[in-house]
Amino acid sequence: MEYLKWSNQDGIATITIARPPANALSSGVLRELSSILDEIEQNRDMKVIVIHGEGRFFSAGADIKEFTSLSSSEGSVNLSQTGQDLFDRMEKFSKPIIAAIHGAALGGGLELAMACHIRLVGENTKLGLPELQLGLIPGYAGTQRLPKYVGVARAAEMLFTSEPITGQEAVQFGLANHVYPENEVLEQALKLAGKIAKKSTGSLKATIQLLNYAKNKEFYEGSKKEIELFGDIFDSSDAKEGIQAFIEKRDPKFNGE
């Protein structure tokens, strides 16, 4: 593995995103995560998964520099589809997945966290979907999952303004389960995973299956539309300006095209 590290102890598989400085979710990270899930799924001794980030962040977002290598809307559509398929698989995964989030979970990083069954956060952690700041929209079903947790009005504000919320607010709004000091999040996630690991694998699998019935037809229709619009928006001049402005560390100048 180039970007991820993982281990198994006492029935808990711990996956670490190790792609400094921001643990950006490149297509390579997504491929490696899918490969690790393949191994965990076949191993009866692994009962719970904890995902966390190495260094300062859980994941500060998608790999924006990788976006510049996508030459057409088809490439962006394929990237969006890959991420959506992986995150949908995570929500339906037969073993509980806990996100231990510190520092920041932004853009694709928050979309990854929202695909986990449980989220623990640090008090000062920043969580948000700032894609509109780049002239883009979320592509990994973030527009469909965020309202499910925080409500439509709160999701609209977070998306329209690109402003993140804190870990404390995430718990208050229903996006996260528990909040802890930043340096205790992983420890608490492993402690929670230990409790869950004592349960029957059959009952855990059945419960996850039942929880996913809450994902109705409209969720999948909305996710499919998000992929389509992500490709359209990605091909716009505003998106090109937003991505370039991000790379150049300046404010974008959108012209509405």
Protein backbone atom coordinates (compact mmCIF):
# COMPACT_ATOMS: atom_id res chain seq x y z
CA MET A 1 0.00 0.00 0.00
CA GLU A 2 1.27 3.44 -0.95
CA TYR A 3 -1.26 5.67 0.78
CA LEU A 4 -2.93 3.56 3.47
CA LYS A 5 -1.69 1.51 6.40
CA TRP A 6 -3.77 -1.01 8.28
CA SER A 7 -3.57 -3.53 11.09
CA ASN A 8 -5.79 -5.94 12.97
CA GLN A 9 -5.90 -6.44 16.73
CA ASP A 10 -8.57 -7.95 18.96
CA GLY A 11 -11.05 -8.09 16.10
CA ILE A 12 -10.58 -4.41 15.22
CA ALA A 13 -9.14 -3.48 11.82
CA THR A 14 -7.57 -0.02 11.95
CA ILE A 15 -7.10 1.76 8.62
CA THR A 16 -4.83 4.81 8.57
CA ILE A 17 -4.84 7.37 5.76
CA ALA A 18 -1.15 8.23 5.40
CA ARG A 19 -0.84 10.69 2.55
CA PRO A 20 0.73 13.88 3.91
CA PRO A 21 0.27 16.73 4.23
CA ALA A 22 -3.53 16.70 3.98
CA ASN A 23 -4.42 13.02 3.41
CA ALA A 24 -6.16 14.05 0.19
CA LEU A 25 -8.45 11.41 -1.30
CA SER A 26 -6.85 10.67 -4.64
CA SER A 27 -8.12 7.91 -6.90
CA GLY A 28 -5.18 5.85 -5.61
CA VAL A 29 -6.42 6.20 -2.03
CA LEU A 30 -9.89 5.07 -3.08
CA ARG A 31 -8.48 2.02 -4.88
CA GLU A 32 -6.38 1.02 -1.87
CA LEU A 33 -9.32 1.44 0.50
CA SER A 34 -11.45 -0.79 -1.72
CA SER A 35 -8.69 -3.41 -1.76
CA ILE A 36 -8.38 -3.38 2.04
CA LEU A 37 -12.14 -3.79 2.40
CA ASP A 38 -11.92 -6.85 0.14
CA GLU A 39 -9.45 -8.45 2.57
CA ILE A 40 -11.38 -7.49 5.69
CA GLU A 41 -14.64 -8.77 4.28
CA GLN A 42 -13.20 -12.27 3.90
CA ASN A 43 -11.58 -12.38 7.35
CA ARG A 44 -13.96 -13.68 10.04
CA ASP A 45 -11.61 -12.49 12.80
CA MET A 46 -12.05 -8.82 11.85
CA LYS A 47 -15.35 -7.59 13.26
CA VAL A 48 -15.13 -3.78 13.33
CA ILE A 49 -13.24 -1.17 11.29
CA VAL A 50 -11.82 2.15 12.50
CA ILE A 51 -10.67 4.69 9.89
CA HIS A 52 -8.50 7.64 10.88
CA GLY A 53 -5.90 9.97 9.42
CA GLU A 54 -2.20 10.24 10.17
CA GLY A 55 -0.73 13.62 11.02
CA ARG A 56 -2.79 16.81 11.28
CA PHE A 57 -5.96 15.77 9.48
CA PHE A 58 -8.46 13.01 8.96
CA SER A 59 -8.68 14.12 5.32
CA ALA A 60 -8.78 17.70 4.08
CA GLY A 61 -10.54 16.78 0.84
CA ALA A 62 -10.12 15.43 -2.66
CA ASP A 63 -6.84 15.70 -4.52
CA ILE A 64 -7.37 19.01 -6.36
CA LYS A 65 -4.13 18.68 -8.31
CA GLU A 66 -5.40 15.37 -9.66
CA PHE A 67 -8.42 17.25 -11.02
CA THR A 68 -6.15 19.17 -13.37
CA SER A 69 -5.20 15.89 -15.07
CA LEU A 70 -8.82 15.11 -15.96
CA SER A 71 -9.15 16.24 -19.56
CA SER A 72 -12.91 15.81 -19.98
CA SER A 73 -16.20 15.62 -18.15
CA GLU A 74 -16.09 11.86 -18.76
CA GLY A 75 -13.03 11.58 -16.52
CA SER A 76 -14.73 13.52 -13.74
CA VAL A 77 -17.90 11.45 -14.09
CA ASN A 78 -15.88 8.24 -13.77
CA LEU A 79 -14.10 9.60 -10.67
CA SER A 80 -17.42 10.56 -9.10
CA GLN A 81 -18.93 7.16 -9.90
CA THR A 82 -15.93 5.35 -8.39
CA GLY A 83 -16.20 7.31 -5.14
CA GLN A 84 -19.95 6.88 -4.91
CA ASP A 85 -19.74 3.14 -5.49
CA LEU A 86 -17.08 2.76 -2.79
CA PHE A 87 -18.93 4.87 -0.22
CA ASP A 88 -22.22 3.09 -0.90
CA ARG A 89 -20.37 -0.18 -0.36
CA MET A 90 -19.08 1.14 2.97
CA GLU A 91 -22.56 2.04 4.18
CA LYS A 92 -23.71 -1.48 3.29
CA PHE A 93 -20.54 -3.19 4.51
CA SER A 94 -21.24 -6.22 6.67
CA LYS A 95 -18.96 -4.96 9.47
CA PRO A 96 -19.42 -1.66 11.35
CA ILE A 97 -17.14 1.19 10.28
CA ILE A 98 -16.20 3.98 12.68
CA ALA A 99 -14.59 7.24 11.52
CA ALA A 100 -12.20 8.75 14.08
CA ILE A 101 -11.99 12.34 12.83
CA HIS A 102 -9.46 14.92 13.98
CA GLY A 103 -8.14 18.13 12.46
CA ALA A 104 -10.36 18.38 9.41
CA ALA A 105 -12.77 16.35 7.31
CA LEU A 106 -13.51 18.50 4.28
CA GLY A 107 -14.95 17.80 0.86
CA GLY A 108 -14.24 14.20 -0.07
CA GLY A 109 -12.90 13.65 3.44
CA LEU A 110 -16.30 14.45 4.94
CA GLU A 111 -18.02 12.39 2.26
CA LEU A 112 -15.84 9.45 3.32
CA ALA A 113 -16.71 10.04 6.97
CA MET A 114 -20.44 10.26 6.20
CA ALA A 115 -20.25 6.84 4.54
CA CYS A 116 -19.09 5.33 7.85
CA HIS A 117 -21.70 4.04 10.28
CA ILE A 118 -20.45 6.07 13.26
CA ARG A 119 -18.43 9.31 13.49
CA LEU A 120 -16.38 10.50 16.47
CA VAL A 121 -14.85 13.97 16.22
CA GLY A 122 -12.40 16.29 17.93
CA GLU A 123 -13.69 19.42 19.61
CA ASN A 124 -11.97 21.77 17.17
CA THR A 125 -12.20 19.57 14.09
CA LYS A 126 -13.49 21.35 10.98
CA LEU A 127 -16.12 19.54 8.92
CA GLY A 128 -17.57 20.83 5.68
CA LEU A 129 -18.18 20.55 1.96
CA PRO A 130 -16.40 23.58 0.44
CA GLU A 131 -16.62 22.47 -3.21
CA LEU A 132 -18.61 25.54 -4.27
CA GLN A 133 -15.57 27.64 -3.30
CA LEU A 134 -13.85 25.97 -6.28
CA GLY A 135 -16.78 26.37 -8.65
CA LEU A 136 -17.58 22.67 -8.21
CA ILE A 137 -20.13 20.55 -6.36
CA PRO A 138 -19.63 17.45 -4.21
CA GLY A 139 -19.26 14.28 -6.26
CA TYR A 140 -19.32 11.39 -3.77
CA ALA A 141 -23.03 11.75 -2.82
CA GLY A 142 -22.29 14.49 -0.29
CA THR A 143 -25.36 16.45 -1.40
CA GLN A 144 -27.50 13.43 -0.53
CA ARG A 145 -25.92 12.35 2.77
CA LEU A 146 -25.38 15.73 4.43
CA PRO A 147 -29.10 16.71 4.53
CA LYS A 148 -29.87 13.27 5.97
CA TYR A 149 -27.76 14.12 9.02
CA VAL A 150 -28.11 17.88 9.52
CA GLY A 151 -31.36 18.71 7.68
CA VAL A 152 -31.86 20.48 4.36
CA ALA A 153 -31.58 24.06 5.65
CA ARG A 154 -28.33 23.45 7.53
CA ALA A 155 -26.90 21.49 4.58
CA ALA A 156 -27.83 24.33 2.21
CA GLU A 157 -26.01 26.85 4.41
CA MET A 158 -22.90 24.68 4.67
CA LEU A 159 -22.83 24.10 0.90
CA PHE A 160 -23.69 27.65 -0.18
CA THR A 161 -21.17 29.34 2.13
CA SER A 162 -18.42 26.67 2.04
CA GLU A 163 -17.93 27.39 5.75
CA PRO A 164 -17.12 24.38 7.96
CA ILE A 165 -18.64 23.55 11.31
CA THR A 166 -16.75 22.47 14.43
CA GLY A 167 -16.76 19.06 16.05
CA GLN A 168 -18.99 20.40 18.80
CA GLU A 169 -21.48 21.68 16.24
CA ALA A 170 -21.30 18.40 14.31
CA VAL A 171 -22.60 16.53 17.35
CA GLN A 172 -25.18 19.21 18.04
CA PHE A 173 -26.48 19.05 14.45
CA GLY A 174 -26.51 15.24 14.26
CA LEU A 175 -23.55 14.78 11.91
CA ALA A 176 -21.34 13.10 14.55
CA ASN A 177 -22.02 10.80 17.50
CA HIS A 178 -19.55 12.04 20.13
CA VAL A 179 -16.96 14.78 20.53
CA TYR A 180 -13.65 14.50 22.43
CA PRO A 181 -10.38 16.40 22.80
CA GLU A 182 -8.45 16.05 19.55
CA ASN A 183 -5.80 13.72 21.01
CA GLU A 184 -8.40 11.32 22.44
CA VAL A 185 -10.54 10.67 19.36
CA LEU A 186 -8.73 7.57 18.11
CA GLU A 187 -8.50 6.10 21.60
CA GLN A 188 -12.24 6.58 22.11
CA ALA A 189 -12.99 5.11 18.68
CA LEU A 190 -11.00 1.99 19.49
CA LYS A 191 -12.77 1.72 22.85
CA LEU A 192 -16.16 1.92 21.12
CA ALA A 193 -15.02 -0.58 18.50
CA GLY A 194 -14.07 -2.97 21.31
CA LYS A 195 -17.61 -2.87 22.67
CA ILE A 196 -19.08 -3.52 19.24
CA ALA A 197 -16.64 -6.36 18.51
CA LYS A 198 -18.20 -8.36 21.35
CA LYS A 199 -21.49 -8.58 19.48
CA SER A 200 -22.56 -11.41 17.17
CA THR A 201 -21.31 -10.91 13.62
CA GLY A 202 -24.63 -12.21 12.33
CA SER A 203 -26.69 -9.67 14.27
CA LEU A 204 -24.33 -6.83 13.32
CA LYS A 205 -24.58 -7.73 9.64
CA ALA A 206 -28.38 -7.96 9.83
CA THR A 207 -28.64 -4.62 11.62
CA ILE A 208 -26.50 -2.87 8.99
CA GLN A 209 -28.66 -4.41 6.29
CA LEU A 210 -31.81 -3.11 7.97
CA LEU A 211 -30.39 0.38 8.56
CA ASN A 212 -29.76 0.69 4.84
CA TYR A 213 -33.46 0.44 4.08
CA ALA A 214 -33.52 4.10 5.12
CA LYS A 215 -31.73 4.83 1.83
CA ASN A 216 -34.76 5.19 -0.42
CA LYS A 217 -35.14 5.44 -4.18
CA GLU A 218 -34.80 9.22 -4.05
CA PHE A 219 -31.35 8.91 -2.44
CA TYR A 220 -30.06 6.88 -5.37
CA GLU A 221 -31.76 9.08 -7.94
CA GLY A 222 -30.19 12.13 -6.29
CA SER A 223 -26.78 10.48 -6.19
CA LYS A 224 -27.02 9.61 -9.88
CA LYS A 225 -28.00 13.20 -10.70
CA GLU A 226 -25.05 14.44 -8.63
CA ILE A 227 -22.66 12.43 -10.84
CA GLU A 228 -24.22 13.93 -13.98
CA LEU A 229 -24.09 17.50 -12.69
CA PHE A 230 -20.59 17.02 -11.26
CA GLY A 231 -19.42 16.19 -14.80
CA ASP A 232 -21.25 19.19 -16.29
CA ILE A 233 -19.96 21.63 -13.66
CA PHE A 234 -16.44 20.21 -13.83
CA ASP A 235 -16.29 21.12 -17.52
CA SER A 236 -17.29 24.75 -16.93
CA SER A 237 -14.95 27.74 -17.08
CA ASP A 238 -15.88 28.63 -13.49
CA ALA A 239 -14.65 25.22 -12.31
CA LYS A 240 -11.39 25.64 -14.19
CA GLU A 241 -10.96 29.07 -12.60
CA GLY A 242 -11.84 27.74 -9.13
CA ILE A 243 -9.34 24.89 -9.36
CA GLN A 244 -6.60 27.17 -10.67
CA ALA A 245 -7.31 29.75 -7.96
CA PHE A 246 -7.05 27.03 -5.30
CA ILE A 247 -3.69 25.90 -6.64
CA GLU A 248 -2.46 29.52 -6.82
CA LYS A 249 -3.83 30.24 -3.32
CA ARG A 250 -5.99 33.19 -4.40
CA ASP A 251 -9.70 34.02 -4.48
CA PRO A 252 -11.48 32.79 -7.61
CA LYS A 253 -13.12 35.19 -10.06
CA PHE A 254 -16.23 33.45 -11.34
CA ASN A 255 -17.98 34.71 -14.48
CA GLY A 256 -21.03 32.44 -14.38
CA GLU A 257 -19.97 30.20 -17.26
